[in-house]
């Protein structure tokens, strides 16, 4: 059973312009069938709407694919802040896949 995992991302926020965090979802071994997994953001120490734009969706792996990406838009602001976190969670895998480790980032 192929295992799904997600990578952590660390980046510095600027004081303007658009910044996105790109997350990579990996399927440990290629499947011969389509595999899907849902993803969703939730607040860590960062807050949706003021620090980042909440996103959710589905990543689809075609047969033979092992890596996919999606982005989370960050909201640039000028106040100096301590490092903040956004939680990303994978759920509901299909196509014979299972959640591996890590299943959150």
PDB file of N, CA and C in Angstrom:
ATOM      1  N   UNK A   1       0.849  -1.178   0.000  1.00  0.00           N
ATOM      2  CA  UNK A   1       0.000   0.000   0.000  1.00  0.00           C
ATOM      3  C   UNK A   1       0.893   1.239   0.000  1.00  0.00           C
ATOM      4  N   UNK A   2       0.817   2.078  -1.031  1.00  0.00           N
ATOM      5  CA  UNK A   2       1.649   3.288  -1.079  1.00  0.00           C
ATOM      6  C   UNK A   2       1.287   4.263   0.047  1.00  0.00           C
ATOM      7  N   UNK A   3       2.298   4.861   0.646  1.00  0.00           N
ATOM      8  CA  UNK A   3       2.088   5.814   1.736  1.00  0.00           C
ATOM      9  C   UNK A   3       2.244   7.244   1.229  1.00  0.00           C
ATOM     10  N   UNK A   4       1.352   8.128   1.693  1.00  0.00           N
ATOM     11  CA  UNK A   4       1.374   9.550   1.353  1.00  0.00           C
ATOM     12  C   UNK A   4       1.989  10.341   2.494  1.00  0.00           C
ATOM     13  N   UNK A   5       2.820  11.333   2.166  1.00  0.00           N
ATOM     14  CA  UNK A   5       3.391  12.211   3.183  1.00  0.00           C
ATOM     15  C   UNK A   5       3.478  13.627   2.627  1.00  0.00           C
ATOM     16  N   UNK A   6       3.705  14.588   3.519  1.00  0.00           N
ATOM     17  CA  UNK A   6       3.795  16.000   3.133  1.00  0.00           C
ATOM     18  C   UNK A   6       5.044  16.596   3.756  1.00  0.00           C
ATOM     19  N   UNK A   7       5.677  17.519   3.033  1.00  0.00           N
ATOM     20  CA  UNK A   7       6.914  18.134   3.511  1.00  0.00           C
ATOM     21  C   UNK A   7       6.636  19.439   4.241  1.00  0.00           C
ATOM     22  N   UNK A   8       7.484  19.765   5.216  1.00  0.00           N
ATOM     23  CA  UNK A   8       7.438  21.066   5.881  1.00  0.00           C
ATOM     24  C   UNK A   8       8.043  22.120   4.967  1.00  0.00           C
ATOM     25  N   UNK A   9       7.632  23.362   5.168  1.00  0.00           N
ATOM     26  CA  UNK A   9       8.177  24.495   4.425  1.00  0.00           C
ATOM     27  C   UNK A   9       8.501  25.579   5.421  1.00  0.00           C
ATOM     28  N   UNK A  10       9.647  26.232   5.234  1.00  0.00           N
ATOM     29  CA  UNK A  10      10.028  27.364   6.069  1.00  0.00           C
ATOM     30  C   UNK A  10      10.492  28.475   5.147  1.00  0.00           C
ATOM     31  N   UNK A  11       9.914  29.669   5.319  1.00  0.00           N
ATOM     32  CA  UNK A  11      10.350  30.796   4.509  1.00  0.00           C
ATOM     33  C   UNK A  11      10.093  32.095   5.242  1.00  0.00           C
ATOM     34  N   UNK A  12      10.780  33.123   4.785  1.00  0.00           N
ATOM     35  CA  UNK A  12      10.661  34.442   5.407  1.00  0.00           C
ATOM     36  C   UNK A  12       9.597  35.245   4.684  1.00  0.00           C
ATOM     37  N   UNK A  13       8.783  35.920   5.445  1.00  0.00           N
ATOM     38  CA  UNK A  13       7.738  36.795   4.915  1.00  0.00           C
ATOM     39  C   UNK A  13       8.360  38.142   4.603  1.00  0.00           C
ATOM     40  N   UNK A  14       7.899  38.762   3.537  1.00  0.00           N
ATOM     41  CA  UNK A  14       8.399  40.083   3.175  1.00  0.00           C
ATOM     42  C   UNK A  14       7.478  41.172   3.659  1.00  0.00           C
ATOM     43  N   UNK A  15       7.691  42.365   3.183  1.00  0.00           N
ATOM     44  CA  UNK A  15       6.867  43.511   3.570  1.00  0.00           C
ATOM     45  C   UNK A  15       5.999  44.001   2.419  1.00  0.00           C
ATOM     46  N   UNK A  16       5.722  43.170   1.483  1.00  0.00           N
ATOM     47  CA  UNK A  16       4.886  43.543   0.353  1.00  0.00           C
ATOM     48  C   UNK A  16       5.011  42.523  -0.742  1.00  0.00           C
ATOM     49  N   UNK A  17       4.170  42.639  -1.746  1.00  0.00           N
ATOM     50  CA  UNK A  17       4.192  41.674  -2.834  1.00  0.00           C
ATOM     51  C   UNK A  17       3.545  40.374  -2.416  1.00  0.00           C
ATOM     52  N   UNK A  18       3.551  39.422  -3.315  1.00  0.00           N
ATOM     53  CA  UNK A  18       2.920  38.144  -2.999  1.00  0.00           C
ATOM     54  C   UNK A  18       3.972  37.097  -2.678  1.00  0.00           C
ATOM     55  N   UNK A  19       3.681  36.319  -1.663  1.00  0.00           N
ATOM     56  CA  UNK A  19       4.541  35.219  -1.246  1.00  0.00           C
ATOM     57  C   UNK A  19       3.645  34.007  -1.088  1.00  0.00           C
ATOM     58  N   UNK A  20       4.089  32.870  -1.592  1.00  0.00           N
ATOM     59  CA  UNK A  20       3.349  31.637  -1.406  1.00  0.00           C
ATOM     60  C   UNK A  20       4.277  30.576  -0.837  1.00  0.00           C
ATOM     61  N   UNK A  21       3.732  29.747   0.006  1.00  0.00           N
ATOM     62  CA  UNK A  21       4.449  28.581   0.510  1.00  0.00           C
ATOM     63  C   UNK A  21       4.026  27.403  -0.353  1.00  0.00           C
ATOM     64  N   UNK A  22       4.990  26.707  -0.919  1.00  0.00           N
ATOM     65  CA  UNK A  22       4.701  25.551  -1.771  1.00  0.00           C
ATOM     66  C   UNK A  22       4.973  24.282  -0.992  1.00  0.00           C
ATOM     67  N   UNK A  23       3.947  23.458  -0.863  1.00  0.00           N
ATOM     68  CA  UNK A  23       4.047  22.196  -0.136  1.00  0.00           C
ATOM     69  C   UNK A  23       4.072  21.039  -1.126  1.00  0.00           C
ATOM     70  N   UNK A  24       4.882  20.031  -0.824  1.00  0.00           N
ATOM     71  CA  UNK A  24       5.000  18.861  -1.681  1.00  0.00           C
ATOM     72  C   UNK A  24       4.396  17.658  -0.985  1.00  0.00           C
ATOM     73  N   UNK A  25       3.473  16.993  -1.682  1.00  0.00           N
ATOM     74  CA  UNK A  25       2.883  15.746  -1.215  1.00  0.00           C
ATOM     75  C   UNK A  25       3.557  14.631  -2.007  1.00  0.00           C
ATOM     76  N   UNK A  26       4.013  13.611  -1.301  1.00  0.00           N
ATOM     77  CA  UNK A  26       4.760  12.530  -1.935  1.00  0.00           C
ATOM     78  C   UNK A  26       4.055  11.198  -1.726  1.00  0.00           C
ATOM     79  N   UNK A  27       4.007  10.418  -2.782  1.00  0.00           N
ATOM     80  CA  UNK A  27       3.511   9.052  -2.734  1.00  0.00           C
ATOM     81  C   UNK A  27       4.754   8.166  -2.731  1.00  0.00           C
ATOM     82  N   UNK A  28       4.956   7.399  -1.663  1.00  0.00           N
ATOM     83  CA  UNK A  28       6.212   6.665  -1.460  1.00  0.00           C
ATOM     84  C   UNK A  28       6.565   5.746  -2.628  1.00  0.00           C
ATOM     85  N   UNK A  29       5.588   5.091  -3.195  1.00  0.00           N
ATOM     86  CA  UNK A  29       5.816   4.249  -4.368  1.00  0.00           C
ATOM     87  C   UNK A  29       4.721   4.540  -5.382  1.00  0.00           C
ATOM     88  N   UNK A  30       5.075   4.491  -6.642  1.00  0.00           N
ATOM     89  CA  UNK A  30       4.102   4.759  -7.701  1.00  0.00           C
ATOM     90  C   UNK A  30       2.999   3.719  -7.675  1.00  0.00           C
ATOM     91  N   UNK A  31       1.793   4.172  -7.921  1.00  0.00           N
ATOM     92  CA  UNK A  31       0.639   3.281  -7.982  1.00  0.00           C
ATOM     93  C   UNK A  31       0.267   3.066  -9.446  1.00  0.00           C
ATOM     94  N   UNK A  32      -0.391   1.971  -9.728  1.00  0.00           N
ATOM     95  CA  UNK A  32      -0.856   1.715 -11.086  1.00  0.00           C
ATOM     96  C   UNK A  32      -2.269   2.253 -11.299  1.00  0.00           C
ATOM     97  N   UNK A  33      -2.816   2.898 -10.273  1.00  0.00           N
ATOM     98  CA  UNK A  33      -4.143   3.490 -10.384  1.00  0.00           C
ATOM     99  C   UNK A  33      -4.106   4.928  -9.862  1.00  0.00           C
ATOM    100  N   UNK A  34      -5.146   5.688 -10.096  1.00  0.00           N
ATOM    101  CA  UNK A  34      -5.240   7.058  -9.606  1.00  0.00           C
ATOM    102  C   UNK A  34      -5.352   7.055  -8.086  1.00  0.00           C
ATOM    103  N   UNK A  35      -4.584   7.941  -7.446  1.00  0.00           N
ATOM    104  CA  UNK A  35      -4.603   8.103  -5.991  1.00  0.00           C
ATOM    105  C   UNK A  35      -4.963   9.557  -5.713  1.00  0.00           C
ATOM    106  N   UNK A  36      -5.863   9.785  -4.759  1.00  0.00           N
ATOM    107  CA  UNK A  36      -6.185  11.145  -4.340  1.00  0.00           C
ATOM    108  C   UNK A  36      -6.032  11.264  -2.833  1.00  0.00           C
ATOM    109  N   UNK A  37      -5.798  12.500  -2.388  1.00  0.00           N
ATOM    110  CA  UNK A  37      -5.759  12.791  -0.953  1.00  0.00           C
ATOM    111  C   UNK A  37      -6.196  14.242  -0.773  1.00  0.00           C
ATOM    112  N   UNK A  38      -6.991  14.482   0.254  1.00  0.00           N
ATOM    113  CA  UNK A  38      -7.432  15.838   0.559  1.00  0.00           C
ATOM    114  C   UNK A  38      -6.393  16.543   1.407  1.00  0.00           C
ATOM    115  N   UNK A  39      -6.337  17.867   1.289  1.00  0.00           N
ATOM    116  CA  UNK A  39      -5.472  18.679   2.141  1.00  0.00           C
ATOM    117  C   UNK A  39      -6.262  19.881   2.640  1.00  0.00           C
ATOM    118  N   UNK A  40      -5.858  20.400   3.795  1.00  0.00           N
ATOM    119  CA  UNK A  40      -6.513  21.587   4.350  1.00  0.00           C
ATOM    120  C   UNK A  40      -5.572  22.286   5.312  1.00  0.00           C
ATOM    121  N   UNK A  41      -5.668  23.615   5.343  1.00  0.00           N
ATOM    122  CA  UNK A  41      -4.909  24.409   6.305  1.00  0.00           C
ATOM    123  C   UNK A  41      -5.729  24.572   7.581  1.00  0.00           C
ATOM    124  N   UNK A  42      -5.030  24.837   8.675  1.00  0.00           N
ATOM    125  CA  UNK A  42      -5.675  25.252   9.921  1.00  0.00           C
ATOM    126  C   UNK A  42      -4.679  26.129  10.669  1.00  0.00           C
ATOM    127  N   UNK A  43      -5.201  26.940  11.559  1.00  0.00           N
ATOM    128  CA  UNK A  43      -4.344  27.867  12.300  1.00  0.00           C
ATOM    129  C   UNK A  43      -3.403  27.120  13.228  1.00  0.00           C
ATOM    130  N   UNK A  44      -2.141  27.553  13.176  1.00  0.00           N
ATOM    131  CA  UNK A  44      -1.176  27.216  14.203  1.00  0.00           C
ATOM    132  C   UNK A  44      -1.070  28.492  15.020  1.00  0.00           C
ATOM    133  N   UNK A  45       0.103  29.106  15.006  1.00  0.00           N
ATOM    134  CA  UNK A  45       0.219  30.426  15.624  1.00  0.00           C
ATOM    135  C   UNK A  45      -0.140  31.530  14.631  1.00  0.00           C
ATOM    136  N   UNK A  46      -0.198  31.200  13.331  1.00  0.00           N
ATOM    137  CA  UNK A  46      -0.653  32.137  12.309  1.00  0.00           C
ATOM    138  C   UNK A  46      -2.178  32.047  12.198  1.00  0.00           C
ATOM    139  N   UNK A  47      -2.802  33.146  11.777  1.00  0.00           N
ATOM    140  CA  UNK A  47      -4.253  33.219  11.694  1.00  0.00           C
ATOM    141  C   UNK A  47      -4.698  33.412  10.246  1.00  0.00           C
ATOM    142  N   UNK A  48      -5.631  32.558   9.816  1.00  0.00           N
ATOM    143  CA  UNK A  48      -6.195  32.693   8.466  1.00  0.00           C
ATOM    144  C   UNK A  48      -6.854  34.056   8.337  1.00  0.00           C
ATOM    145  N   UNK A  49      -6.630  34.692   7.194  1.00  0.00           N
ATOM    146  CA  UNK A  49      -7.223  35.992   6.940  1.00  0.00           C
ATOM    147  C   UNK A  49      -6.315  37.152   7.281  1.00  0.00           C
ATOM    148  N   UNK A  50      -5.413  36.966   8.258  1.00  0.00           N
ATOM    149  CA  UNK A  50      -4.479  38.049   8.566  1.00  0.00           C
ATOM    150  C   UNK A  50      -3.029  37.648   8.307  1.00  0.00           C
ATOM    151  N   UNK A  51      -2.715  36.353   8.367  1.00  0.00           N
ATOM    152  CA  UNK A  51      -1.346  35.893   8.119  1.00  0.00           C
ATOM    153  C   UNK A  51      -1.225  35.033   6.862  1.00  0.00           C
ATOM    154  N   UNK A  52      -2.300  34.340   6.513  1.00  0.00           N
ATOM    155  CA  UNK A  52      -2.299  33.480   5.330  1.00  0.00           C
ATOM    156  C   UNK A  52      -3.736  33.325   4.841  1.00  0.00           C
ATOM    157  N   UNK A  53      -3.876  32.834   3.614  1.00  0.00           N
ATOM    158  CA  UNK A  53      -5.194  32.551   3.056  1.00  0.00           C
ATOM    159  C   UNK A  53      -5.472  31.064   3.226  1.00  0.00           C
ATOM    160  N   UNK A  54      -6.556  30.737   3.906  1.00  0.00           N
ATOM    161  CA  UNK A  54      -6.915  29.336   4.124  1.00  0.00           C
ATOM    162  C   UNK A  54      -7.179  28.655   2.780  1.00  0.00           C
ATOM    163  N   UNK A  55      -6.701  27.431   2.637  1.00  0.00           N
ATOM    164  CA  UNK A  55      -6.934  26.653   1.425  1.00  0.00           C
ATOM    165  C   UNK A  55      -7.296  25.223   1.796  1.00  0.00           C
ATOM    166  N   UNK A  56      -8.008  24.588   0.897  1.00  0.00           N
ATOM    167  CA  UNK A  56      -8.269  23.149   0.998  1.00  0.00           C
ATOM    168  C   UNK A  56      -8.494  22.655  -0.415  1.00  0.00           C
ATOM    169  N   UNK A  57      -8.318  21.373  -0.596  1.00  0.00           N
ATOM    170  CA  UNK A  57      -8.504  20.823  -1.931  1.00  0.00           C
ATOM    171  C   UNK A  57      -8.123  19.371  -1.971  1.00  0.00           C
ATOM    172  N   UNK A  58      -7.930  18.879  -3.171  1.00  0.00           N
ATOM    173  CA  UNK A  58      -7.571  17.485  -3.396  1.00  0.00           C
ATOM    174  C   UNK A  58      -6.373  17.421  -4.325  1.00  0.00           C
ATOM    175  N   UNK A  59      -5.408  16.616  -3.968  1.00  0.00           N
ATOM    176  CA  UNK A  59      -4.260  16.338  -4.827  1.00  0.00           C
ATOM    177  C   UNK A  59      -4.541  15.012  -5.517  1.00  0.00           C
ATOM    178  N   UNK A  60      -4.347  14.966  -6.833  1.00  0.00           N
ATOM    179  CA  UNK A  60      -4.597  13.754  -7.607  1.00  0.00           C
ATOM    180  C   UNK A  60      -3.307  13.294  -8.259  1.00  0.00           C
ATOM    181  N   UNK A  61      -2.944  12.049  -7.995  1.00  0.00           N
ATOM    182  CA  UNK A  61      -1.787  11.410  -8.612  1.00  0.00           C
ATOM    183  C   UNK A  61      -2.294  10.478  -9.704  1.00  0.00           C
ATOM    184  N   UNK A  62      -1.874  10.712 -10.933  1.00  0.00           N
ATOM    185  CA  UNK A  62      -2.180   9.769 -12.010  1.00  0.00           C
ATOM    186  C   UNK A  62      -1.294   8.533 -11.814  1.00  0.00           C
ATOM    187  N   UNK A  63      -1.650   7.454 -12.444  1.00  0.00           N
ATOM    188  CA  UNK A  63      -0.844   6.240 -12.359  1.00  0.00           C
ATOM    189  C   UNK A  63       0.614   6.568 -12.680  1.00  0.00           C
ATOM    190  N   UNK A  64       1.524   6.135 -11.827  1.00  0.00           N
ATOM    191  CA  UNK A  64       2.954   6.342 -12.042  1.00  0.00           C
ATOM    192  C   UNK A  64       3.514   7.602 -11.423  1.00  0.00           C
ATOM    193  N   UNK A  65       2.683   8.566 -11.010  1.00  0.00           N
ATOM    194  CA  UNK A  65       3.178   9.812 -10.415  1.00  0.00           C
ATOM    195  C   UNK A  65       3.465   9.616  -8.922  1.00  0.00           C
ATOM    196  N   UNK A  66       4.495  10.310  -8.428  1.00  0.00           N
ATOM    197  CA  UNK A  66       4.862  10.164  -7.016  1.00  0.00           C
ATOM    198  C   UNK A  66       5.014  11.490  -6.284  1.00  0.00           C
ATOM    199  N   UNK A  67       4.855  12.627  -6.960  1.00  0.00           N
ATOM    200  CA  UNK A  67       5.039  13.916  -6.305  1.00  0.00           C
ATOM    201  C   UNK A  67       4.100  14.954  -6.898  1.00  0.00           C
ATOM    202  N   UNK A  68       3.441  15.720  -6.022  1.00  0.00           N
ATOM    203  CA  UNK A  68       2.548  16.804  -6.423  1.00  0.00           C
ATOM    204  C   UNK A  68       2.745  17.971  -5.464  1.00  0.00           C
ATOM    205  N   UNK A  69       2.433  19.179  -5.919  1.00  0.00           N
ATOM    206  CA  UNK A  69       2.559  20.354  -5.064  1.00  0.00           C
ATOM    207  C   UNK A  69       1.256  21.144  -5.039  1.00  0.00           C
ATOM    208  N   UNK A  70       1.100  21.949  -3.991  1.00  0.00           N
ATOM    209  CA  UNK A  70       0.043  22.942  -3.911  1.00  0.00           C
ATOM    210  C   UNK A  70       0.589  24.111  -3.114  1.00  0.00           C
ATOM    211  N   UNK A  71      -0.054  25.260  -3.220  1.00  0.00           N
ATOM    212  CA  UNK A  71       0.468  26.465  -2.571  1.00  0.00           C
ATOM    213  C   UNK A  71      -0.512  27.029  -1.552  1.00  0.00           C
ATOM    214  N   UNK A  72       0.064  27.738  -0.579  1.00  0.00           N
ATOM    215  CA  UNK A  72      -0.697  28.474   0.423  1.00  0.00           C
ATOM    216  C   UNK A  72      -0.241  29.926   0.337  1.00  0.00           C
ATOM    217  N   UNK A  73      -1.127  30.844  -0.051  1.00  0.00           N
ATOM    218  CA  UNK A  73      -0.753  32.258  -0.127  1.00  0.00           C
ATOM    219  C   UNK A  73      -0.530  32.845   1.272  1.00  0.00           C
ATOM    220  N   UNK A  74       0.575  33.554   1.429  1.00  0.00           N
ATOM    221  CA  UNK A  74       0.869  34.239   2.680  1.00  0.00           C
ATOM    222  C   UNK A  74       0.503  35.703   2.540  1.00  0.00           C
ATOM    223  N   UNK A  75       0.048  36.306   3.609  1.00  0.00           N
ATOM    224  CA  UNK A  75      -0.321  37.717   3.602  1.00  0.00           C
ATOM    225  C   UNK A  75       0.827  38.501   4.219  1.00  0.00           C
ATOM    226  N   UNK A  76       1.487  39.304   3.392  1.00  0.00           N
ATOM    227  CA  UNK A  76       2.608  40.117   3.861  1.00  0.00           C
ATOM    228  C   UNK A  76       2.088  41.283   4.687  1.00  0.00           C
ATOM    229  N   UNK A  77       2.736  41.532   5.793  1.00  0.00           N
ATOM    230  CA  UNK A  77       2.401  42.705   6.600  1.00  0.00           C
ATOM    231  C   UNK A  77       3.697  43.334   7.085  1.00  0.00           C
ATOM    232  N   UNK A  78       3.610  44.541   7.561  1.00  0.00           N
ATOM    233  CA  UNK A  78       4.827  45.262   7.944  1.00  0.00           C
ATOM    234  C   UNK A  78       5.252  45.091   9.395  1.00  0.00           C
ATOM    235  N   UNK A  79       4.358  44.766  10.329  1.00  0.00           N
ATOM    236  CA  UNK A  79       4.841  44.615  11.710  1.00  0.00           C
ATOM    237  C   UNK A  79       5.833  43.463  11.834  1.00  0.00           C
ATOM    238  N   UNK A  80       6.848  43.658  12.657  1.00  0.00           N
ATOM    239  CA  UNK A  80       7.801  42.589  12.936  1.00  0.00           C
ATOM    240  C   UNK A  80       7.115  41.593  13.870  1.00  0.00           C
ATOM    241  N   UNK A  81       7.137  40.319  13.494  1.00  0.00           N
ATOM    242  CA  UNK A  81       6.475  39.286  14.279  1.00  0.00           C
ATOM    243  C   UNK A  81       7.437  38.137  14.539  1.00  0.00           C
ATOM    244  N   UNK A  82       7.151  37.381  15.580  1.00  0.00           N
ATOM    245  CA  UNK A  82       7.886  36.145  15.824  1.00  0.00           C
ATOM    246  C   UNK A  82       7.508  35.146  14.735  1.00  0.00           C
ATOM    247  N   UNK A  83       8.310  34.101  14.549  1.00  0.00           N
ATOM    248  CA  UNK A  83       7.939  33.071  13.573  1.00  0.00           C
ATOM    249  C   UNK A  83       6.553  32.504  13.894  1.00  0.00           C
ATOM    250  N   UNK A  84       5.778  32.262  12.833  1.00  0.00           N
ATOM    251  CA  UNK A  84       4.425  31.736  12.989  1.00  0.00           C
ATOM    252  C   UNK A  84       4.269  30.459  12.164  1.00  0.00           C
ATOM    253  N   UNK A  85       3.280  29.650  12.526  1.00  0.00           N
ATOM    254  CA  UNK A  85       3.063  28.383  11.840  1.00  0.00           C
ATOM    255  C   UNK A  85       1.640  28.294  11.296  1.00  0.00           C
ATOM    256  N   UNK A  86       1.530  27.592  10.182  1.00  0.00           N
ATOM    257  CA  UNK A  86       0.258  27.205   9.576  1.00  0.00           C
ATOM    258  C   UNK A  86       0.287  25.680   9.533  1.00  0.00           C
ATOM    259  N   UNK A  87      -0.789  25.034   9.926  1.00  0.00           N
ATOM    260  CA  UNK A  87      -0.854  23.573   9.888  1.00  0.00           C
ATOM    261  C   UNK A  87      -1.472  23.109   8.581  1.00  0.00           C
ATOM    262  N   UNK A  88      -0.891  22.085   7.978  1.00  0.00           N
ATOM    263  CA  UNK A  88      -1.417  21.447   6.779  1.00  0.00           C
ATOM    264  C   UNK A  88      -1.677  19.996   7.124  1.00  0.00           C
ATOM    265  N   UNK A  89      -2.864  19.512   6.805  1.00  0.00           N
ATOM    266  CA  UNK A  89      -3.223  18.137   7.142  1.00  0.00           C
ATOM    267  C   UNK A  89      -3.723  17.410   5.907  1.00  0.00           C
ATOM    268  N   UNK A  90      -3.242  16.184   5.726  1.00  0.00           N
ATOM    269  CA  UNK A  90      -3.736  15.304   4.671  1.00  0.00           C
ATOM    270  C   UNK A  90      -4.818  14.409   5.259  1.00  0.00           C
ATOM    271  N   UNK A  91      -5.823  14.063   4.434  1.00  0.00           N
ATOM    272  CA  UNK A  91      -6.890  13.179   4.909  1.00  0.00           C
ATOM    273  C   UNK A  91      -7.547  12.455   3.737  1.00  0.00           C
ATOM    274  N   UNK A  92      -8.279  11.416   4.055  1.00  0.00           N
ATOM    275  CA  UNK A  92      -9.128  10.676   3.104  1.00  0.00           C
ATOM    276  C   UNK A  92      -8.407  10.198   1.844  1.00  0.00           C
ATOM    277  N   UNK A  93      -7.311   9.444   1.985  1.00  0.00           N
ATOM    278  CA  UNK A  93      -6.647   8.926   0.778  1.00  0.00           C
ATOM    279  C   UNK A  93      -7.519   7.903   0.081  1.00  0.00           C
ATOM    280  N   UNK A  94      -7.404   7.841  -1.246  1.00  0.00           N
ATOM    281  CA  UNK A  94      -8.127   6.855  -2.034  1.00  0.00           C
ATOM    282  C   UNK A  94      -7.139   6.119  -2.942  1.00  0.00           C
ATOM    283  N   UNK A  95      -7.623   5.158  -3.692  1.00  0.00           N
ATOM    284  CA  UNK A  95      -6.795   4.450  -4.658  1.00  0.00           C
ATOM    285  C   UNK A  95      -5.837   3.473  -4.013  1.00  0.00           C
ATOM    286  N   UNK A  96      -6.154   2.990  -2.823  1.00  0.00           N
ATOM    287  CA  UNK A  96      -5.307   2.013  -2.163  1.00  0.00           C
ATOM    288  C   UNK A  96      -4.137   2.619  -1.413  1.00  0.00           C
ATOM    289  N   UNK A  97      -4.082   3.938  -1.295  1.00  0.00           N
ATOM    290  CA  UNK A  97      -2.991   4.601  -0.570  1.00  0.00           C
ATOM    291  C   UNK A  97      -3.393   4.776   0.893  1.00  0.00           C
ATOM    292  N   UNK A  98      -2.396   5.001   1.731  1.00  0.00           N
ATOM    293  CA  UNK A  98      -2.605   5.250   3.157  1.00  0.00           C
ATOM    294  C   UNK A  98      -1.790   6.471   3.557  1.00  0.00           C
ATOM    295  N   UNK A  99      -2.192   7.109   4.639  1.00  0.00           N
ATOM    296  CA  UNK A  99      -1.406   8.226   5.152  1.00  0.00           C
ATOM    297  C   UNK A  99      -0.154   7.681   5.819  1.00  0.00           C
ATOM    298  N   UNK A 100       0.973   8.233   5.410  1.00  0.00           N
ATOM    299  CA  UNK A 100       2.249   7.856   6.006  1.00  0.00           C
ATOM    300  C   UNK A 100       2.657   8.911   7.008  1.00  0.00           C
ATOM    301  N   UNK A 101       3.943   8.978   7.226  1.00  0.00           N
ATOM    302  CA  UNK A 101       4.472   9.961   8.188  1.00  0.00           C
ATOM    303  C   UNK A 101       5.498  10.817   7.462  1.00  0.00           C
ATOM    304  N   UNK A 102       5.396  12.117   7.530  1.00  0.00           N
ATOM    305  CA  UNK A 102       4.355  12.842   8.263  1.00  0.00           C
ATOM    306  C   UNK A 102       3.108  13.042   7.424  1.00  0.00           C
ATOM    307  N   UNK A 103       1.961  13.029   8.070  1.00  0.00           N
ATOM    308  CA  UNK A 103       0.680  13.307   7.432  1.00  0.00           C
ATOM    309  C   UNK A 103       0.246  14.737   7.661  1.00  0.00           C
ATOM    310  N   UNK A 104       1.078  15.466   8.431  1.00  0.00           N
ATOM    311  CA  UNK A 104       0.827  16.888   8.660  1.00  0.00           C
ATOM    312  C   UNK A 104       2.136  17.638   8.474  1.00  0.00           C
ATOM    313  N   UNK A 105       2.023  18.923   8.163  1.00  0.00           N
ATOM    314  CA  UNK A 105       3.210  19.776   8.030  1.00  0.00           C
ATOM    315  C   UNK A 105       2.930  21.087   8.702  1.00  0.00           C
TER     316      UNK A 105
END
